[in-house]
């Protein structure tokens, strides 16, 4: 039973990779252009909870992340959220406690 679940996760991950990378994983054929835009995609499988596994795809080139959830019971995958973190990186602090970034700057300058 555990082997079957592991096989399902592997199949789901491979399907997600094929969907994201398109023909980049398929044998090369003569073509004017190759589809290789998803070369910086990282896939992370989180710990199983309540019979489902979160699957996170992080695209370093596009600076986005996608979170899917694969449900063992229904054998389905569902998109949970999508977000770009490009602009988040421009924040110096957000939802952070003390000391603030500005407090640390002041301590270092003194």
N, C-alpha and C. Protein backbone atom coordinates (compact mmCIF):
# COMPACT_ATOMS: atom_id res chain seq x y z
N UNK A 1 0.82 -1.19 0.00
CA UNK A 1 0.00 0.00 0.00
C UNK A 1 0.86 1.26 0.00
N UNK A 2 1.91 1.26 0.85
CA UNK A 2 2.81 2.42 0.90
C UNK A 2 3.56 2.59 -0.41
N UNK A 3 3.93 1.48 -1.04
CA UNK A 3 4.62 1.55 -2.32
C UNK A 3 3.72 2.17 -3.38
N UNK A 4 2.43 1.82 -3.34
CA UNK A 4 1.49 2.36 -4.31
C UNK A 4 1.35 3.87 -4.14
N UNK A 5 1.31 4.35 -2.89
CA UNK A 5 1.21 5.78 -2.64
C UNK A 5 2.47 6.50 -3.11
N UNK A 6 3.63 5.91 -2.85
CA UNK A 6 4.88 6.50 -3.29
C UNK A 6 4.91 6.59 -4.81
N UNK A 7 4.44 5.53 -5.46
CA UNK A 7 4.38 5.54 -6.93
C UNK A 7 3.47 6.66 -7.42
N UNK A 8 2.34 6.86 -6.75
CA UNK A 8 1.41 7.93 -7.15
C UNK A 8 2.08 9.29 -7.02
N UNK A 9 2.81 9.50 -5.92
CA UNK A 9 3.49 10.79 -5.73
C UNK A 9 4.52 11.00 -6.83
N UNK A 10 5.29 9.96 -7.14
CA UNK A 10 6.30 10.07 -8.19
C UNK A 10 5.64 10.39 -9.51
N UNK A 11 4.53 9.73 -9.82
CA UNK A 11 3.82 9.99 -11.08
C UNK A 11 3.30 11.42 -11.11
N UNK A 12 2.73 11.89 -10.00
CA UNK A 12 2.21 13.25 -9.95
C UNK A 12 3.34 14.25 -10.15
N UNK A 13 4.46 14.06 -9.47
CA UNK A 13 5.59 14.97 -9.61
C UNK A 13 6.09 14.97 -11.05
N UNK A 14 6.21 13.81 -11.65
CA UNK A 14 6.66 13.74 -13.04
C UNK A 14 5.68 14.44 -13.97
N UNK A 15 4.38 14.26 -13.73
CA UNK A 15 3.39 14.95 -14.57
C UNK A 15 3.49 16.46 -14.42
N UNK A 16 3.69 16.93 -13.18
CA UNK A 16 3.84 18.36 -12.97
C UNK A 16 5.09 18.88 -13.68
N UNK A 17 6.18 18.14 -13.58
CA UNK A 17 7.42 18.54 -14.25
C UNK A 17 7.22 18.60 -15.76
N UNK A 18 6.57 17.59 -16.32
CA UNK A 18 6.32 17.58 -17.77
C UNK A 18 5.44 18.75 -18.16
N UNK A 19 4.41 19.04 -17.34
CA UNK A 19 3.53 20.17 -17.65
C UNK A 19 4.28 21.48 -17.60
N UNK A 20 5.16 21.63 -16.62
CA UNK A 20 5.90 22.88 -16.46
C UNK A 20 6.99 23.02 -17.52
N UNK A 21 7.69 21.94 -17.77
CA UNK A 21 8.83 22.01 -18.67
C UNK A 21 8.46 21.74 -20.12
N UNK A 22 7.27 21.28 -20.38
CA UNK A 22 6.84 21.04 -21.75
C UNK A 22 7.70 20.01 -22.43
N UNK A 23 8.16 20.32 -23.62
CA UNK A 23 8.92 19.37 -24.43
C UNK A 23 10.38 19.29 -24.04
N UNK A 24 10.82 20.05 -23.06
CA UNK A 24 12.23 20.03 -22.68
C UNK A 24 12.67 18.65 -22.19
N UNK A 25 11.73 17.85 -21.65
CA UNK A 25 12.07 16.52 -21.15
C UNK A 25 11.96 15.44 -22.23
N UNK A 26 11.31 15.75 -23.32
CA UNK A 26 11.12 14.77 -24.37
C UNK A 26 12.36 14.69 -25.25
N UNK A 27 12.56 13.56 -25.96
CA UNK A 27 13.71 13.46 -26.85
C UNK A 27 13.70 14.61 -27.87
N UNK A 28 14.88 15.12 -28.15
CA UNK A 28 15.00 16.25 -29.07
C UNK A 28 14.65 15.84 -30.49
N UNK A 29 13.94 16.72 -31.16
CA UNK A 29 13.64 16.56 -32.57
C UNK A 29 14.15 17.81 -33.27
N UNK A 30 14.26 17.74 -34.55
CA UNK A 30 14.69 18.92 -35.30
C UNK A 30 13.65 20.01 -35.12
N UNK A 31 14.10 21.16 -34.66
CA UNK A 31 13.18 22.28 -34.44
C UNK A 31 13.97 23.57 -34.47
N UNK A 32 13.29 24.63 -34.82
CA UNK A 32 13.95 25.92 -34.88
C UNK A 32 14.21 26.45 -33.48
N UNK A 33 13.32 26.17 -32.56
CA UNK A 33 13.47 26.61 -31.18
C UNK A 33 13.16 25.46 -30.25
N UNK A 34 13.83 25.43 -29.13
CA UNK A 34 13.56 24.41 -28.12
C UNK A 34 12.86 25.07 -26.95
N UNK A 35 11.94 24.36 -26.32
CA UNK A 35 11.23 24.87 -25.17
C UNK A 35 12.05 24.57 -23.93
N UNK A 36 12.72 25.56 -23.38
CA UNK A 36 13.55 25.34 -22.20
C UNK A 36 13.43 26.48 -21.21
N UNK A 37 12.27 27.10 -21.13
CA UNK A 37 12.10 28.28 -20.29
C UNK A 37 11.94 27.94 -18.82
N UNK A 38 11.71 26.69 -18.48
CA UNK A 38 11.44 26.34 -17.08
C UNK A 38 12.64 25.67 -16.43
N UNK A 39 13.84 26.03 -16.85
CA UNK A 39 15.04 25.38 -16.36
C UNK A 39 15.34 25.64 -14.90
N UNK A 40 14.77 26.68 -14.30
CA UNK A 40 15.05 27.01 -12.90
C UNK A 40 13.90 26.67 -11.97
N UNK A 41 13.12 25.65 -12.30
CA UNK A 41 12.00 25.26 -11.46
C UNK A 41 12.45 24.20 -10.46
N UNK A 42 12.17 24.46 -9.19
CA UNK A 42 12.48 23.51 -8.12
C UNK A 42 11.17 22.98 -7.58
N UNK A 43 11.11 21.67 -7.36
CA UNK A 43 9.91 21.05 -6.82
C UNK A 43 10.21 20.57 -5.41
N UNK A 44 9.33 20.92 -4.47
CA UNK A 44 9.50 20.51 -3.09
C UNK A 44 8.22 19.78 -2.66
N UNK A 45 8.38 18.56 -2.16
CA UNK A 45 7.26 17.83 -1.61
C UNK A 45 7.28 18.03 -0.10
N UNK A 46 6.19 18.54 0.42
CA UNK A 46 6.11 18.77 1.86
C UNK A 46 5.64 17.49 2.55
N UNK A 47 5.61 17.51 3.85
CA UNK A 47 5.20 16.35 4.63
C UNK A 47 3.70 16.09 4.47
N UNK A 48 3.34 14.81 4.37
CA UNK A 48 1.94 14.45 4.21
C UNK A 48 1.14 14.85 5.45
N UNK A 49 -0.06 15.38 5.21
CA UNK A 49 -0.96 15.74 6.30
C UNK A 49 -2.39 15.47 5.85
N UNK A 50 -3.15 14.83 6.70
CA UNK A 50 -4.56 14.54 6.43
C UNK A 50 -4.77 13.84 5.10
N UNK A 51 -3.87 12.95 4.72
CA UNK A 51 -4.04 12.17 3.50
C UNK A 51 -3.71 12.91 2.22
N UNK A 52 -3.05 14.05 2.34
CA UNK A 52 -2.66 14.79 1.13
C UNK A 52 -1.23 15.29 1.27
N UNK A 53 -0.62 15.59 0.13
CA UNK A 53 0.76 16.05 0.10
C UNK A 53 0.83 17.39 -0.63
N UNK A 54 1.29 18.45 0.04
CA UNK A 54 1.52 19.71 -0.66
C UNK A 54 2.74 19.58 -1.58
N UNK A 55 2.61 20.08 -2.79
CA UNK A 55 3.69 20.09 -3.77
C UNK A 55 3.96 21.55 -4.13
N UNK A 56 5.16 22.02 -3.88
CA UNK A 56 5.51 23.42 -4.12
C UNK A 56 6.47 23.49 -5.30
N UNK A 57 6.13 24.32 -6.28
CA UNK A 57 7.02 24.58 -7.41
C UNK A 57 7.52 26.01 -7.28
N UNK A 58 8.83 26.19 -7.28
CA UNK A 58 9.43 27.52 -7.19
C UNK A 58 10.18 27.77 -8.48
N UNK A 59 9.79 28.83 -9.19
CA UNK A 59 10.44 29.20 -10.44
C UNK A 59 11.37 30.38 -10.17
N UNK A 60 12.67 30.10 -10.14
CA UNK A 60 13.66 31.13 -9.84
C UNK A 60 13.76 32.19 -10.91
N UNK A 61 13.51 31.83 -12.15
CA UNK A 61 13.60 32.79 -13.25
C UNK A 61 12.44 33.78 -13.21
N UNK A 62 11.23 33.26 -13.04
CA UNK A 62 10.04 34.11 -13.00
C UNK A 62 9.76 34.66 -11.61
N UNK A 63 10.49 34.16 -10.60
CA UNK A 63 10.31 34.57 -9.21
C UNK A 63 8.87 34.38 -8.75
N UNK A 64 8.38 33.17 -9.00
CA UNK A 64 7.01 32.81 -8.61
C UNK A 64 7.02 31.48 -7.89
N UNK A 65 5.94 31.22 -7.16
CA UNK A 65 5.77 29.90 -6.58
C UNK A 65 4.32 29.47 -6.75
N UNK A 66 4.16 28.17 -6.90
CA UNK A 66 2.84 27.55 -7.03
C UNK A 66 2.75 26.45 -5.99
N UNK A 67 1.61 26.34 -5.35
CA UNK A 67 1.40 25.29 -4.37
C UNK A 67 0.21 24.45 -4.82
N UNK A 68 0.48 23.16 -5.01
CA UNK A 68 -0.56 22.20 -5.36
C UNK A 68 -0.76 21.28 -4.18
N UNK A 69 -1.91 20.62 -4.12
CA UNK A 69 -2.14 19.61 -3.10
C UNK A 69 -2.64 18.35 -3.78
N UNK A 70 -1.90 17.25 -3.54
CA UNK A 70 -2.29 15.96 -4.09
C UNK A 70 -3.01 15.19 -3.00
N UNK A 71 -4.23 14.74 -3.28
CA UNK A 71 -5.04 14.00 -2.33
C UNK A 71 -4.99 12.52 -2.66
N UNK A 72 -4.49 11.73 -1.69
CA UNK A 72 -4.40 10.28 -1.89
C UNK A 72 -5.77 9.64 -2.06
N UNK A 73 -6.74 10.07 -1.28
CA UNK A 73 -8.07 9.45 -1.31
C UNK A 73 -8.75 9.59 -2.65
N UNK A 74 -8.75 10.79 -3.21
CA UNK A 74 -9.42 11.03 -4.49
C UNK A 74 -8.48 10.89 -5.67
N UNK A 75 -7.17 10.78 -5.40
CA UNK A 75 -6.15 10.68 -6.45
C UNK A 75 -6.21 11.89 -7.39
N UNK A 76 -6.42 13.07 -6.79
CA UNK A 76 -6.52 14.30 -7.57
C UNK A 76 -5.49 15.31 -7.09
N UNK A 77 -5.15 16.23 -7.98
CA UNK A 77 -4.23 17.32 -7.64
C UNK A 77 -4.96 18.63 -7.88
N UNK A 78 -4.76 19.58 -6.95
CA UNK A 78 -5.48 20.84 -7.03
C UNK A 78 -4.53 22.00 -6.74
N UNK A 79 -4.62 23.06 -7.54
CA UNK A 79 -3.83 24.27 -7.30
C UNK A 79 -4.37 24.98 -6.07
N UNK A 80 -3.51 25.24 -5.08
CA UNK A 80 -3.90 25.92 -3.85
C UNK A 80 -3.62 27.41 -3.89
N UNK A 81 -2.44 27.79 -4.41
CA UNK A 81 -2.12 29.20 -4.51
C UNK A 81 -1.01 29.42 -5.52
N UNK A 82 -0.94 30.64 -6.00
CA UNK A 82 0.11 31.07 -6.92
C UNK A 82 0.51 32.48 -6.49
N UNK A 83 1.81 32.75 -6.52
CA UNK A 83 2.27 34.07 -6.07
C UNK A 83 3.63 34.39 -6.66
N UNK A 84 3.82 35.64 -7.00
CA UNK A 84 5.14 36.11 -7.35
C UNK A 84 5.79 36.66 -6.08
N UNK A 85 7.08 36.39 -5.92
CA UNK A 85 7.78 36.95 -4.76
C UNK A 85 8.76 38.04 -5.20
N UNK A 86 8.69 38.43 -6.46
CA UNK A 86 9.57 39.45 -7.01
C UNK A 86 9.51 40.74 -6.19
N UNK A 87 8.31 41.18 -5.86
CA UNK A 87 8.16 42.46 -5.15
C UNK A 87 8.31 42.28 -3.64
N UNK A 88 8.00 41.08 -3.15
CA UNK A 88 8.20 40.81 -1.72
C UNK A 88 9.66 41.03 -1.34
N UNK A 89 10.57 40.71 -2.24
CA UNK A 89 12.00 40.83 -1.96
C UNK A 89 12.44 42.28 -1.79
N UNK A 90 11.62 43.22 -2.25
CA UNK A 90 11.96 44.63 -2.14
C UNK A 90 11.65 45.20 -0.75
N UNK A 91 10.87 44.48 0.03
CA UNK A 91 10.55 44.93 1.38
C UNK A 91 11.76 44.74 2.29
N UNK A 92 12.01 45.71 3.15
CA UNK A 92 13.10 45.52 4.10
C UNK A 92 12.63 44.76 5.33
N UNK A 93 11.33 44.91 5.67
CA UNK A 93 10.77 44.11 6.74
C UNK A 93 9.25 44.10 6.60
N UNK A 94 8.67 42.99 7.03
CA UNK A 94 7.22 42.81 6.98
C UNK A 94 6.85 41.76 8.01
N UNK A 95 5.90 42.07 8.86
CA UNK A 95 5.49 41.16 9.93
C UNK A 95 6.69 40.70 10.77
N UNK A 96 7.58 41.60 11.03
CA UNK A 96 8.77 41.23 11.81
C UNK A 96 8.72 41.90 13.18
N UNK A 97 9.34 41.25 14.12
CA UNK A 97 9.37 41.78 15.48
C UNK A 97 10.61 42.63 15.71
N UNK A 98 10.87 42.85 16.95
CA UNK A 98 12.03 43.64 17.34
C UNK A 98 13.26 42.78 17.45
N UNK A 99 14.41 43.26 17.15
CA UNK A 99 14.66 44.61 16.68
C UNK A 99 14.30 44.74 15.20
N UNK A 100 13.85 45.91 14.81
CA UNK A 100 13.52 46.17 13.41
C UNK A 100 14.82 46.32 12.61
N UNK A 101 14.69 46.29 11.32
CA UNK A 101 15.87 46.47 10.46
C UNK A 101 16.51 47.84 10.74
N UNK A 102 15.68 48.86 10.92
CA UNK A 102 16.21 50.21 11.19
C UNK A 102 16.91 50.24 12.55
N UNK A 103 16.40 49.55 13.56
CA UNK A 103 17.06 49.48 14.87
C UNK A 103 18.45 48.86 14.74
N UNK A 104 18.55 47.81 13.98
CA UNK A 104 19.85 47.14 13.78
C UNK A 104 20.81 48.07 13.05
N UNK A 105 20.32 48.77 12.03
CA UNK A 105 21.18 49.74 11.32
C UNK A 105 21.75 50.77 12.29
N UNK A 106 20.88 51.29 13.16
CA UNK A 106 21.33 52.30 14.13
C UNK A 106 22.37 51.72 15.09
N UNK A 107 22.17 50.48 15.55
CA UNK A 107 23.13 49.85 16.46
C UNK A 107 24.48 49.66 15.78
N UNK A 108 24.47 49.30 14.53
CA UNK A 108 25.72 49.06 13.80
C UNK A 108 26.47 50.36 13.55
N UNK A 109 25.74 51.43 13.27
CA UNK A 109 26.38 52.73 13.00
C UNK A 109 27.04 53.30 14.24
N UNK A 110 26.56 53.00 15.43
CA UNK A 110 27.11 53.58 16.67
C UNK A 110 28.36 52.88 17.10
